């Protein structure tokens, strides 16, 4: 931290109301919010909300210049809280960080103590960011299905947005639990990736579109994890078998859900809403330990690739263009 400065990925609002982003090396630590814990960020990861933030979505970020990054893993450098001491390893997931406050795409953050979660000294911080908020959301979704069904062995589960963060980790976790996973993706080149993380069947996104006119369709799956909402979710509800369960985690497609009550009344389907931000520290710690977020499975190398902060602008371009497959972990060391 030469001369109290650090590097960060910064989004700026231009005079013509467009947005641009680049890596800057002259941000000042003393300019960070006056919160309780100063953290040297070692790793971050890219989420859907980050892509919205860099495009100036007012529901995510209103004040610019801004450093996005809703996830971070690093080491405490200074603390006003008795809960943390210098050198503690911490992770921030599922908090407001990176939306209205400087986020994990900077080498330093200063956050409220309640936002940080302490992890064991031997934790591999790079691996924690393979999960991040997206992985936590996926684990909450899988946990909801486990609560509903009990044993998930041989259950047929469909996962939409399967090349994204929530989707690809959902596929991985479900396949580890013995599910027959159908992965849905709009990317024609994604088949090898999806097979490598455990998908037993792959559908194109278009196969779940434009299926209106019928209140119910022939059942194909026991359950689902959906990131799309809209027509995709409405179609999935028609295709779930009796007493099935659907975990709704996102609205990438649409916020509107145009359906009837028939899937719920005639087939007894349960629709569960998943909100990673609306969980307490006990739930976070429980899910973290239950799904071994500190110890990724053997195929973790296929789930993500590691980039530097300088690579981040190009990576964000790929996400906006819809060409990114799998997770991105950002090395800020």
Foldseek 3Di string as FASTA:
>chain_A
DPPQWWKFWWWFQDPVRFIDIAIDTGHHPVPFDPAFWKWQFFKAWDAPLLLCVNRPNVVFADDDRAGATQKTWGFTCGGPDPVDDGGFTKIFALASDRRHGHHHRIRMHHDHPQRIDTDDNPFDRLLLNLQGRLNLLLLVQVVVQCVQPVQQAAFEEEEEPLQHRNNVNNQLVSQVSHYAYEYEEQDPPCVVLSVLSRHPHYDYPCVQPDPPDDQADDADGQEYEYAAADSSVQSNLRRHAASGEYEYEHHNNHPDHDHDCCSCPVRVYYYHYTRSNPDHPVVVVVSCVVSVSRDDDPSSVSQEDEDESNCVVVVSVCVVVPNHGHIYMYGDD
